[in-house]
Amino acid sequence: MSAGLLNMLMQLPAGMEWIFIIIIIVVIFFGVKKIPELARTFGKAGAEYEKAKIQAKRELQQLKTEQNDKVGREKLEEIAESLGINYTNKNDEELRAAIDVELNKTKK
């Protein structure tokens, strides 16, 4: 029985033969004129996928940057409050400068 199974397995197509079989099935199913059109469609779909992937990476990076900015502002406000600096009407740069000035006063 194993000899019959081995003989049957030997008759199955190998790697390159499968490629030719698939190509023949595609040509029969879609026709010769549709193959270039299908290839263009797959190419466009691949390009759209890559564009969406790049856009998603950009959006994730932007979200990370925005979160880091929020955390940075909160930390600046905490430091300013601990040093007794009014931070309500100051942007980040002004607040950093005020903190530096206050820290330099305490060092001297």
PDB file of N, CA and C in Angstrom:
ATOM      1  N   MET A   1       0.806  -1.186   0.000  1.00  0.00           N
ATOM      2  CA  MET A   1       0.000   0.000   0.000  1.00  0.00           C
ATOM      3  C   MET A   1       0.853   1.256   0.000  1.00  0.00           C
ATOM      4  N   SER A   2       1.958   1.256   0.725  1.00  0.00           N
ATOM      5  CA  SER A   2       2.830   2.420   0.753  1.00  0.00           C
ATOM      6  C   SER A   2       3.508   2.636  -0.601  1.00  0.00           C
ATOM      7  N   ALA A   3       3.740   1.564  -1.356  1.00  0.00           N
ATOM      8  CA  ALA A   3       4.335   1.713  -2.678  1.00  0.00           C
ATOM      9  C   ALA A   3       3.362   2.421  -3.613  1.00  0.00           C
ATOM     10  N   GLY A   4       2.079   2.138  -3.489  1.00  0.00           N
ATOM     11  CA  GLY A   4       1.065   2.787  -4.312  1.00  0.00           C
ATOM     12  C   GLY A   4       0.952   4.272  -3.970  1.00  0.00           C
ATOM     13  N   LEU A   5       1.025   4.604  -2.684  1.00  0.00           N
ATOM     14  CA  LEU A   5       0.981   6.002  -2.243  1.00  0.00           C
ATOM     15  C   LEU A   5       2.214   6.752  -2.717  1.00  0.00           C
ATOM     16  N   LEU A   6       3.378   6.097  -2.613  1.00  0.00           N
ATOM     17  CA  LEU A   6       4.618   6.717  -3.069  1.00  0.00           C
ATOM     18  C   LEU A   6       4.583   6.950  -4.574  1.00  0.00           C
ATOM     19  N   ASN A   7       4.051   6.010  -5.321  1.00  0.00           N
ATOM     20  CA  ASN A   7       3.940   6.151  -6.773  1.00  0.00           C
ATOM     21  C   ASN A   7       3.002   7.295  -7.132  1.00  0.00           C
ATOM     22  N   MET A   8       1.904   7.455  -6.358  1.00  0.00           N
ATOM     23  CA  MET A   8       0.966   8.525  -6.613  1.00  0.00           C
ATOM     24  C   MET A   8       1.596   9.889  -6.308  1.00  0.00           C
ATOM     25  N   LEU A   9       2.371   9.969  -5.249  1.00  0.00           N
ATOM     26  CA  LEU A   9       3.039  11.223  -4.893  1.00  0.00           C
ATOM     27  C   LEU A   9       4.095  11.613  -5.927  1.00  0.00           C
ATOM     28  N   MET A  10       4.714  10.646  -6.531  1.00  0.00           N
ATOM     29  CA  MET A  10       5.737  10.911  -7.528  1.00  0.00           C
ATOM     30  C   MET A  10       5.123  11.523  -8.795  1.00  0.00           C
ATOM     31  N   GLN A  11       3.852  11.282  -9.035  1.00  0.00           N
ATOM     32  CA  GLN A  11       3.209  11.775 -10.236  1.00  0.00           C
ATOM     33  C   GLN A  11       2.663  13.201 -10.070  1.00  0.00           C
ATOM     34  N   LEU A  12       2.663  13.748  -8.840  1.00  0.00           N
ATOM     35  CA  LEU A  12       2.191  15.116  -8.614  1.00  0.00           C
ATOM     36  C   LEU A  12       3.188  16.114  -9.213  1.00  0.00           C
ATOM     37  N   PRO A  13       2.680  17.226  -9.710  1.00  0.00           N
ATOM     38  CA  PRO A  13       3.582  18.231 -10.291  1.00  0.00           C
ATOM     39  C   PRO A  13       4.512  18.840  -9.224  1.00  0.00           C
ATOM     40  N   ALA A  14       5.690  19.250  -9.657  1.00  0.00           N
ATOM     41  CA  ALA A  14       6.678  19.879  -8.773  1.00  0.00           C
ATOM     42  C   ALA A  14       6.513  21.401  -8.835  1.00  0.00           C
ATOM     43  N   GLY A  15       7.496  22.193  -8.348  1.00  0.00           N
ATOM     44  CA  GLY A  15       7.409  23.645  -8.202  1.00  0.00           C
ATOM     45  C   GLY A  15       7.107  24.412  -9.481  1.00  0.00           C
ATOM     46  N   MET A  16       7.940  24.281 -10.503  1.00  0.00           N
ATOM     47  CA  MET A  16       7.764  25.053 -11.740  1.00  0.00           C
ATOM     48  C   MET A  16       6.508  24.618 -12.498  1.00  0.00           C
ATOM     49  N   GLU A  17       6.159  23.359 -12.381  1.00  0.00           N
ATOM     50  CA  GLU A  17       4.967  22.871 -13.071  1.00  0.00           C
ATOM     51  C   GLU A  17       3.713  23.538 -12.510  1.00  0.00           C
ATOM     52  N   TRP A  18       3.681  23.802 -11.209  1.00  0.00           N
ATOM     53  CA  TRP A  18       2.531  24.481 -10.603  1.00  0.00           C
ATOM     54  C   TRP A  18       2.380  25.900 -11.145  1.00  0.00           C
ATOM     55  N   ILE A  19       3.495  26.563 -11.371  1.00  0.00           N
ATOM     56  CA  ILE A  19       3.435  27.920 -11.917  1.00  0.00           C
ATOM     57  C   ILE A  19       2.798  27.907 -13.302  1.00  0.00           C
ATOM     58  N   PHE A  20       3.212  26.976 -14.143  1.00  0.00           N
ATOM     59  CA  PHE A  20       2.635  26.882 -15.479  1.00  0.00           C
ATOM     60  C   PHE A  20       1.147  26.530 -15.419  1.00  0.00           C
ATOM     61  N   ILE A  21       0.769  25.654 -14.515  1.00  0.00           N
ATOM     62  CA  ILE A  21      -0.637  25.271 -14.375  1.00  0.00           C
ATOM     63  C   ILE A  21      -1.468  26.484 -13.959  1.00  0.00           C
ATOM     64  N   ILE A  22      -0.971  27.267 -13.014  1.00  0.00           N
ATOM     65  CA  ILE A  22      -1.693  28.461 -12.553  1.00  0.00           C
ATOM     66  C   ILE A  22      -1.814  29.480 -13.673  1.00  0.00           C
ATOM     67  N   ILE A  23      -0.751  29.682 -14.441  1.00  0.00           N
ATOM     68  CA  ILE A  23      -0.791  30.635 -15.563  1.00  0.00           C
ATOM     69  C   ILE A  23      -1.827  30.190 -16.595  1.00  0.00           C
ATOM     70  N   ILE A  24      -1.864  28.913 -16.903  1.00  0.00           N
ATOM     71  CA  ILE A  24      -2.832  28.405 -17.883  1.00  0.00           C
ATOM     72  C   ILE A  24      -4.262  28.601 -17.371  1.00  0.00           C
ATOM     73  N   ILE A  25      -4.494  28.343 -16.091  1.00  0.00           N
ATOM     74  CA  ILE A  25      -5.837  28.528 -15.523  1.00  0.00           C
ATOM     75  C   ILE A  25      -6.244  29.998 -15.580  1.00  0.00           C
ATOM     76  N   VAL A  26      -5.323  30.900 -15.259  1.00  0.00           N
ATOM     77  CA  VAL A  26      -5.623  32.333 -15.300  1.00  0.00           C
ATOM     78  C   VAL A  26      -5.956  32.774 -16.717  1.00  0.00           C
ATOM     79  N   VAL A  27      -5.177  32.321 -17.691  1.00  0.00           N
ATOM     80  CA  VAL A  27      -5.432  32.691 -19.086  1.00  0.00           C
ATOM     81  C   VAL A  27      -6.779  32.159 -19.543  1.00  0.00           C
ATOM     82  N   ILE A  28      -7.102  30.950 -19.179  1.00  0.00           N
ATOM     83  CA  ILE A  28      -8.392  30.373 -19.580  1.00  0.00           C
ATOM     84  C   ILE A  28      -9.539  31.108 -18.900  1.00  0.00           C
ATOM     85  N   PHE A  29      -9.384  31.400 -17.611  1.00  0.00           N
ATOM     86  CA  PHE A  29     -10.460  32.012 -16.841  1.00  0.00           C
ATOM     87  C   PHE A  29     -10.693  33.473 -17.219  1.00  0.00           C
ATOM     88  N   PHE A  30      -9.622  34.264 -17.347  1.00  0.00           N
ATOM     89  CA  PHE A  30      -9.767  35.701 -17.601  1.00  0.00           C
ATOM     90  C   PHE A  30      -9.578  36.089 -19.065  1.00  0.00           C
ATOM     91  N   GLY A  31      -8.864  35.328 -19.816  1.00  0.00           N
ATOM     92  CA  GLY A  31      -8.584  35.683 -21.203  1.00  0.00           C
ATOM     93  C   GLY A  31      -7.305  36.506 -21.292  1.00  0.00           C
ATOM     94  N   VAL A  32      -6.708  36.494 -22.463  1.00  0.00           N
ATOM     95  CA  VAL A  32      -5.424  37.151 -22.675  1.00  0.00           C
ATOM     96  C   VAL A  32      -5.542  38.672 -22.545  1.00  0.00           C
ATOM     97  N   LYS A  33      -6.665  39.241 -22.965  1.00  0.00           N
ATOM     98  CA  LYS A  33      -6.816  40.702 -22.950  1.00  0.00           C
ATOM     99  C   LYS A  33      -7.009  41.255 -21.537  1.00  0.00           C
ATOM    100  N   LYS A  34      -7.523  40.474 -20.630  1.00  0.00           N
ATOM    101  CA  LYS A  34      -7.795  40.952 -19.269  1.00  0.00           C
ATOM    102  C   LYS A  34      -6.567  40.894 -18.362  1.00  0.00           C
ATOM    103  N   ILE A  35      -5.571  40.108 -18.693  1.00  0.00           N
ATOM    104  CA  ILE A  35      -4.408  39.933 -17.813  1.00  0.00           C
ATOM    105  C   ILE A  35      -3.661  41.241 -17.577  1.00  0.00           C
ATOM    106  N   PRO A  36      -3.338  42.056 -18.601  1.00  0.00           N
ATOM    107  CA  PRO A  36      -2.672  43.332 -18.324  1.00  0.00           C
ATOM    108  C   PRO A  36      -3.530  44.264 -17.461  1.00  0.00           C
ATOM    109  N   GLU A  37      -4.832  44.228 -17.694  1.00  0.00           N
ATOM    110  CA  GLU A  37      -5.750  45.046 -16.897  1.00  0.00           C
ATOM    111  C   GLU A  37      -5.732  44.604 -15.428  1.00  0.00           C
ATOM    112  N   LEU A  38      -5.730  43.308 -15.210  1.00  0.00           N
ATOM    113  CA  LEU A  38      -5.640  42.782 -13.841  1.00  0.00           C
ATOM    114  C   LEU A  38      -4.313  43.161 -13.187  1.00  0.00           C
ATOM    115  N   ALA A  39      -3.242  43.091 -13.954  1.00  0.00           N
ATOM    116  CA  ALA A  39      -1.930  43.447 -13.415  1.00  0.00           C
ATOM    117  C   ALA A  39      -1.899  44.918 -13.000  1.00  0.00           C
ATOM    118  N   ARG A  40      -2.480  45.805 -13.823  1.00  0.00           N
ATOM    119  CA  ARG A  40      -2.560  47.228 -13.467  1.00  0.00           C
ATOM    120  C   ARG A  40      -3.385  47.430 -12.200  1.00  0.00           C
ATOM    121  N   THR A  41      -4.490  46.715 -12.115  1.00  0.00           N
ATOM    122  CA  THR A  41      -5.353  46.833 -10.940  1.00  0.00           C
ATOM    123  C   THR A  41      -4.603  46.400  -9.682  1.00  0.00           C
ATOM    124  N   PHE A  42      -3.894  45.284  -9.764  1.00  0.00           N
ATOM    125  CA  PHE A  42      -3.115  44.833  -8.613  1.00  0.00           C
ATOM    126  C   PHE A  42      -2.005  45.824  -8.281  1.00  0.00           C
ATOM    127  N   GLY A  43      -1.390  46.404  -9.298  1.00  0.00           N
ATOM    128  CA  GLY A  43      -0.345  47.412  -9.070  1.00  0.00           C
ATOM    129  C   GLY A  43      -0.889  48.646  -8.377  1.00  0.00           C
ATOM    130  N   LYS A  44      -2.052  49.115  -8.830  1.00  0.00           N
ATOM    131  CA  LYS A  44      -2.677  50.286  -8.193  1.00  0.00           C
ATOM    132  C   LYS A  44      -3.071  49.970  -6.754  1.00  0.00           C
ATOM    133  N   ALA A  45      -3.610  48.783  -6.533  1.00  0.00           N
ATOM    134  CA  ALA A  45      -3.995  48.390  -5.177  1.00  0.00           C
ATOM    135  C   ALA A  45      -2.773  48.340  -4.268  1.00  0.00           C
ATOM    136  N   GLY A  46      -1.672  47.829  -4.786  1.00  0.00           N
ATOM    137  CA  GLY A  46      -0.434  47.786  -3.993  1.00  0.00           C
ATOM    138  C   GLY A  46       0.073  49.181  -3.674  1.00  0.00           C
ATOM    139  N   ALA A  47      -0.009  50.082  -4.645  1.00  0.00           N
ATOM    140  CA  ALA A  47       0.436  51.461  -4.424  1.00  0.00           C
ATOM    141  C   ALA A  47      -0.452  52.161  -3.405  1.00  0.00           C
ATOM    142  N   GLU A  48      -1.761  51.936  -3.478  1.00  0.00           N
ATOM    143  CA  GLU A  48      -2.681  52.532  -2.504  1.00  0.00           C
ATOM    144  C   GLU A  48      -2.412  51.991  -1.106  1.00  0.00           C
ATOM    145  N   TYR A  49      -2.110  50.714  -1.017  1.00  0.00           N
ATOM    146  CA  TYR A  49      -1.778  50.112   0.272  1.00  0.00           C
ATOM    147  C   TYR A  49      -0.538  50.769   0.867  1.00  0.00           C
ATOM    148  N   GLU A  50       0.483  50.958   0.054  1.00  0.00           N
ATOM    149  CA  GLU A  50       1.711  51.599   0.535  1.00  0.00           C
ATOM    150  C   GLU A  50       1.457  53.037   0.975  1.00  0.00           C
ATOM    151  N   LYS A  51       0.642  53.782   0.208  1.00  0.00           N
ATOM    152  CA  LYS A  51       0.306  55.158   0.582  1.00  0.00           C
ATOM    153  C   LYS A  51      -0.420  55.185   1.929  1.00  0.00           C
ATOM    154  N   ALA A  52      -1.366  54.281   2.101  1.00  0.00           N
ATOM    155  CA  ALA A  52      -2.119  54.223   3.360  1.00  0.00           C
ATOM    156  C   ALA A  52      -1.204  53.855   4.519  1.00  0.00           C
ATOM    157  N   LYS A  53      -0.251  52.974   4.268  1.00  0.00           N
ATOM    158  CA  LYS A  53       0.699  52.561   5.301  1.00  0.00           C
ATOM    159  C   LYS A  53       1.580  53.743   5.725  1.00  0.00           C
ATOM    160  N   ILE A  54       2.060  54.514   4.751  1.00  0.00           N
ATOM    161  CA  ILE A  54       2.892  55.685   5.052  1.00  0.00           C
ATOM    162  C   ILE A  54       2.080  56.737   5.790  1.00  0.00           C
ATOM    163  N   GLN A  55       0.840  56.958   5.365  1.00  0.00           N
ATOM    164  CA  GLN A  55      -0.032  57.934   6.028  1.00  0.00           C
ATOM    165  C   GLN A  55      -0.305  57.526   7.471  1.00  0.00           C
ATOM    166  N   ALA A  56      -0.540  56.248   7.698  1.00  0.00           N
ATOM    167  CA  ALA A  56      -0.795  55.767   9.054  1.00  0.00           C
ATOM    168  C   ALA A  56       0.430  55.981   9.940  1.00  0.00           C
ATOM    169  N   LYS A  57       1.634  55.737   9.396  1.00  0.00           N
ATOM    170  CA  LYS A  57       2.855  55.972  10.164  1.00  0.00           C
ATOM    171  C   LYS A  57       2.996  57.449  10.526  1.00  0.00           C
ATOM    172  N   ARG A  58       2.688  58.330   9.567  1.00  0.00           N
ATOM    173  CA  ARG A  58       2.763  59.766   9.836  1.00  0.00           C
ATOM    174  C   ARG A  58       1.789  60.186  10.933  1.00  0.00           C
ATOM    175  N   GLU A  59       0.564  59.670  10.859  1.00  0.00           N
ATOM    176  CA  GLU A  59      -0.436  60.022  11.865  1.00  0.00           C
ATOM    177  C   GLU A  59      -0.037  59.517  13.247  1.00  0.00           C
ATOM    178  N   LEU A  60       0.509  58.302  13.316  1.00  0.00           N
ATOM    179  CA  LEU A  60       0.972  57.782  14.598  1.00  0.00           C
ATOM    180  C   LEU A  60       2.101  58.635  15.169  1.00  0.00           C
ATOM    181  N   GLN A  61       3.029  59.031  14.305  1.00  0.00           N
ATOM    182  CA  GLN A  61       4.133  59.881  14.756  1.00  0.00           C
ATOM    183  C   GLN A  61       3.612  61.223  15.246  1.00  0.00           C
ATOM    184  N   GLN A  62       2.633  61.773  14.546  1.00  0.00           N
ATOM    185  CA  GLN A  62       2.050  63.057  14.950  1.00  0.00           C
ATOM    186  C   GLN A  62       1.355  62.925  16.304  1.00  0.00           C
ATOM    187  N   LEU A  63       0.623  61.834  16.511  1.00  0.00           N
ATOM    188  CA  LEU A  63      -0.040  61.615  17.794  1.00  0.00           C
ATOM    189  C   LEU A  63       0.973  61.482  18.920  1.00  0.00           C
ATOM    190  N   LYS A  64       2.071  60.773  18.668  1.00  0.00           N
ATOM    191  CA  LYS A  64       3.113  60.625  19.686  1.00  0.00           C
ATOM    192  C   LYS A  64       3.715  61.978  20.028  1.00  0.00           C
ATOM    193  N   THR A  65       3.957  62.799  19.012  1.00  0.00           N
ATOM    194  CA  THR A  65       4.529  64.126  19.233  1.00  0.00           C
ATOM    195  C   THR A  65       3.576  65.003  20.045  1.00  0.00           C
ATOM    196  N   GLU A  66       2.284  64.956  19.706  1.00  0.00           N
ATOM    197  CA  GLU A  66       1.296  65.743  20.441  1.00  0.00           C
ATOM    198  C   GLU A  66       1.215  65.299  21.887  1.00  0.00           C
ATOM    199  N   GLN A  67       1.274  63.998  22.127  1.00  0.00           N
ATOM    200  CA  GLN A  67       1.226  63.494  23.498  1.00  0.00           C
ATOM    201  C   GLN A  67       2.459  63.921  24.271  1.00  0.00           C
ATOM    202  N   ASN A  68       3.616  63.883  23.617  1.00  0.00           N
ATOM    203  CA  ASN A  68       4.843  64.310  24.276  1.00  0.00           C
ATOM    204  C   ASN A  68       4.793  65.801  24.617  1.00  0.00           C
ATOM    205  N   ASP A  69       4.199  66.605  23.721  1.00  0.00           N
ATOM    206  CA  ASP A  69       4.067  68.036  23.995  1.00  0.00           C
ATOM    207  C   ASP A  69       3.167  68.281  25.200  1.00  0.00           C
ATOM    208  N   LYS A  70       2.052  67.539  25.302  1.00  0.00           N
ATOM    209  CA  LYS A  70       1.144  67.699  26.430  1.00  0.00           C
ATOM    210  C   LYS A  70       1.844  67.342  27.732  1.00  0.00           C
ATOM    211  N   VAL A  71       2.543  66.230  27.730  1.00  0.00           N
ATOM    212  CA  VAL A  71       3.254  65.801  28.926  1.00  0.00           C
ATOM    213  C   VAL A  71       4.314  66.825  29.282  1.00  0.00           C
ATOM    214  N   GLY A  72       4.994  67.359  28.279  1.00  0.00           N
ATOM    215  CA  GLY A  72       6.012  68.369  28.523  1.00  0.00           C
ATOM    216  C   GLY A  72       5.423  69.611  29.160  1.00  0.00           C
ATOM    217  N   ARG A  73       4.278  70.061  28.692  1.00  0.00           N
ATOM    218  CA  ARG A  73       3.626  71.250  29.246  1.00  0.00           C
ATOM    219  C   ARG A  73       3.200  70.990  30.690  1.00  0.00           C
ATOM    220  N   GLU A  74       2.640  69.821  30.958  1.00  0.00           N
ATOM    221  CA  GLU A  74       2.210  69.499  32.312  1.00  0.00           C
ATOM    222  C   GLU A  74       3.399  69.493  33.273  1.00  0.00           C
ATOM    223  N   LYS A  75       4.506  68.943  32.831  1.00  0.00           N
ATOM    224  CA  LYS A  75       5.700  68.917  33.679  1.00  0.00           C
ATOM    225  C   LYS A  75       6.220  70.328  33.919  1.00  0.00           C
ATOM    226  N   LEU A  76       6.212  71.152  32.868  1.00  0.00           N
ATOM    227  CA  LEU A  76       6.657  72.538  33.031  1.00  0.00           C
ATOM    228  C   LEU A  76       5.782  73.274  34.043  1.00  0.00           C
ATOM    229  N   GLU A  77       4.479  73.053  33.969  1.00  0.00           N
ATOM    230  CA  GLU A  77       3.568  73.709  34.902  1.00  0.00           C
ATOM    231  C   GLU A  77       3.810  73.249  36.337  1.00  0.00           C
ATOM    232  N   GLU A  78       4.082  71.951  36.515  1.00  0.00           N
ATOM    233  CA  GLU A  78       4.372  71.436  37.854  1.00  0.00           C
ATOM    234  C   GLU A  78       5.650  72.059  38.414  1.00  0.00           C
ATOM    235  N   ILE A  79       6.675  72.144  37.595  1.00  0.00           N
ATOM    236  CA  ILE A  79       7.947  72.735  38.037  1.00  0.00           C
ATOM    237  C   ILE A  79       7.743  74.207  38.358  1.00  0.00           C
ATOM    238  N   ALA A  80       7.024  74.918  37.489  1.00  0.00           N
ATOM    239  CA  ALA A  80       6.776  76.335  37.714  1.00  0.00           C
ATOM    240  C   ALA A  80       6.001  76.541  39.005  1.00  0.00           C
ATOM    241  N   GLU A  81       5.015  75.710  39.243  1.00  0.00           N
ATOM    242  CA  GLU A  81       4.222  75.832  40.471  1.00  0.00           C
ATOM    243  C   GLU A  81       5.080  75.584  41.710  1.00  0.00           C
ATOM    244  N   SER A  82       5.969  74.590  41.628  1.00  0.00           N
ATOM    245  CA  SER A  82       6.828  74.304  42.780  1.00  0.00           C
ATOM    246  C   SER A  82       7.827  75.433  43.037  1.00  0.00           C
ATOM    247  N   LEU A  83       8.176  76.183  41.983  1.00  0.00           N
ATOM    248  CA  LEU A  83       9.106  77.307  42.145  1.00  0.00           C
ATOM    249  C   LEU A  83       8.372  78.624  42.422  1.00  0.00           C
ATOM    250  N   GLY A  84       7.046  78.593  42.379  1.00  0.00           N
ATOM    251  CA  GLY A  84       6.270  79.802  42.641  1.00  0.00           C
ATOM    252  C   GLY A  84       6.166  80.729  41.449  1.00  0.00           C
ATOM    253  N   ILE A  85       6.213  80.191  40.249  1.00  0.00           N
ATOM    254  CA  ILE A  85       6.132  80.988  39.020  1.00  0.00           C
ATOM    255  C   ILE A  85       4.709  80.929  38.490  1.00  0.00           C
ATOM    256  N   ASN A  86       4.167  82.086  38.098  1.00  0.00           N
ATOM    257  CA  ASN A  86       2.839  82.145  37.492  1.00  0.00           C
ATOM    258  C   ASN A  86       2.967  81.714  36.026  1.00  0.00           C
ATOM    259  N   TYR A  87       2.286  80.645  35.644  1.00  0.00           N
ATOM    260  CA  TYR A  87       2.425  80.090  34.295  1.00  0.00           C
ATOM    261  C   TYR A  87       1.174  80.265  33.441  1.00  0.00           C
ATOM    262  N   THR A  88       0.189  80.986  33.910  1.00  0.00           N
ATOM    263  CA  THR A  88      -1.098  81.031  33.201  1.00  0.00           C
ATOM    264  C   THR A  88      -1.025  81.701  31.832  1.00  0.00           C
ATOM    265  N   ASN A  89      -0.279  82.789  31.693  1.00  0.00           N
ATOM    266  CA  ASN A  89      -0.258  83.516  30.421  1.00  0.00           C
ATOM    267  C   ASN A  89       1.057  83.340  29.662  1.00  0.00           C
ATOM    268  N   LYS A  90       1.741  82.242  29.887  1.00  0.00           N
ATOM    269  CA  LYS A  90       3.047  82.028  29.252  1.00  0.00           C
ATOM    270  C   LYS A  90       2.993  80.798  28.357  1.00  0.00           C
ATOM    271  N   ASN A  91       3.688  80.917  27.215  1.00  0.00           N
ATOM    272  CA  ASN A  91       3.818  79.734  26.365  1.00  0.00           C
ATOM    273  C   ASN A  91       4.974  78.888  26.889  1.00  0.00           C
ATOM    274  N   ASP A  92       5.252  77.779  26.233  1.00  0.00           N
ATOM    275  CA  ASP A  92       6.277  76.852  26.723  1.00  0.00           C
ATOM    276  C   ASP A  92       7.659  77.499  26.798  1.00  0.00           C
ATOM    277  N   GLU A  93       8.007  78.251  25.769  1.00  0.00           N
ATOM    278  CA  GLU A  93       9.336  78.867  25.747  1.00  0.00           C
ATOM    279  C   GLU A  93       9.495  79.902  26.866  1.00  0.00           C
ATOM    280  N   GLU A  94       8.470  80.734  27.048  1.00  0.00           N
ATOM    281  CA  GLU A  94       8.522  81.735  28.119  1.00  0.00           C
ATOM    282  C   GLU A  94       8.587  81.059  29.482  1.00  0.00           C
ATOM    283  N   LEU A  95       7.852  79.967  29.627  1.00  0.00           N
ATOM    284  CA  LEU A  95       7.850  79.240  30.886  1.00  0.00           C
ATOM    285  C   LEU A  95       9.215  78.603  31.156  1.00  0.00           C
ATOM    286  N   ARG A  96       9.821  78.040  30.126  1.00  0.00           N
ATOM    287  CA  ARG A  96      11.168  77.468  30.294  1.00  0.00           C
ATOM    288  C   ARG A  96      12.167  78.554  30.697  1.00  0.00           C
ATOM    289  N   ALA A  97      12.069  79.716  30.053  1.00  0.00           N
ATOM    290  CA  ALA A  97      12.975  80.818  30.387  1.00  0.00           C
ATOM    291  C   ALA A  97      12.767  81.264  31.827  1.00  0.00           C
ATOM    292  N   ALA A  98      11.522  81.374  32.268  1.00  0.00           N
ATOM    293  CA  ALA A  98      11.240  81.787  33.645  1.00  0.00           C
ATOM    294  C   ALA A  98      11.765  80.755  34.635  1.00  0.00           C
ATOM    295  N   ILE A  99      11.627  79.490  34.312  1.00  0.00           N
ATOM    296  CA  ILE A  99      12.146  78.432  35.186  1.00  0.00           C
ATOM    297  C   ILE A  99      13.668  78.505  35.254  1.00  0.00           C
ATOM    298  N   ASP A 100      14.319  78.722  34.102  1.00  0.00           N
ATOM    299  CA  ASP A 100      15.779  78.855  34.098  1.00  0.00           C
ATOM    300  C   ASP A 100      16.230  80.027  34.957  1.00  0.00           C
ATOM    301  N   VAL A 101      15.539  81.137  34.816  1.00  0.00           N
ATOM    302  CA  VAL A 101      15.894  82.324  35.612  1.00  0.00           C
ATOM    303  C   VAL A 101      15.744  82.010  37.095  1.00  0.00           C
ATOM    304  N   GLU A 102      14.659  81.388  37.470  1.00  0.00           N
ATOM    305  CA  GLU A 102      14.401  81.066  38.877  1.00  0.00           C
ATOM    306  C   GLU A 102      15.427  80.074  39.411  1.00  0.00           C
ATOM    307  N   LEU A 103      15.767  79.081  38.594  1.00  0.00           N
ATOM    308  CA  LEU A 103      16.768  78.102  39.034  1.00  0.00           C
ATOM    309  C   LEU A 103      18.135  78.758  39.188  1.00  0.00           C
ATOM    310  N   ASN A 104      18.484  79.675  38.286  1.00  0.00           N
ATOM    311  CA  ASN A 104      19.773  80.350  38.398  1.00  0.00           C
ATOM    312  C   ASN A 104      19.813  81.248  39.633  1.00  0.00           C
ATOM    313  N   LYS A 105      18.673  81.814  40.031  1.00  0.00           N
ATOM    314  CA  LYS A 105      18.610  82.635  41.261  1.00  0.00           C
ATOM    315  C   LYS A 105      18.876  81.759  42.484  1.00  0.00           C
ATOM    316  N   THR A 106      18.300  80.595  42.498  1.00  0.00           N
ATOM    317  CA  THR A 106      18.446  79.731  43.681  1.00  0.00           C
ATOM    318  C   THR A 106      19.842  79.136  43.763  1.00  0.00           C
ATOM    319  N   LYS A 107      20.539  78.971  42.648  1.00  0.00           N
ATOM    320  CA  LYS A 107      21.900  78.440  42.664  1.00  0.00           C
ATOM    321  C   LYS A 107      22.874  79.437  43.279  1.00  0.00           C
ATOM    322  N   LYS A 108      22.625  80.742  43.081  1.00  0.00           N
ATOM    323  CA  LYS A 108      23.563  81.761  43.551  1.00  0.00           C
ATOM    324  C   LYS A 108      23.342  82.019  44.961  1.00  0.00           C
TER     325      LYS A 108
END
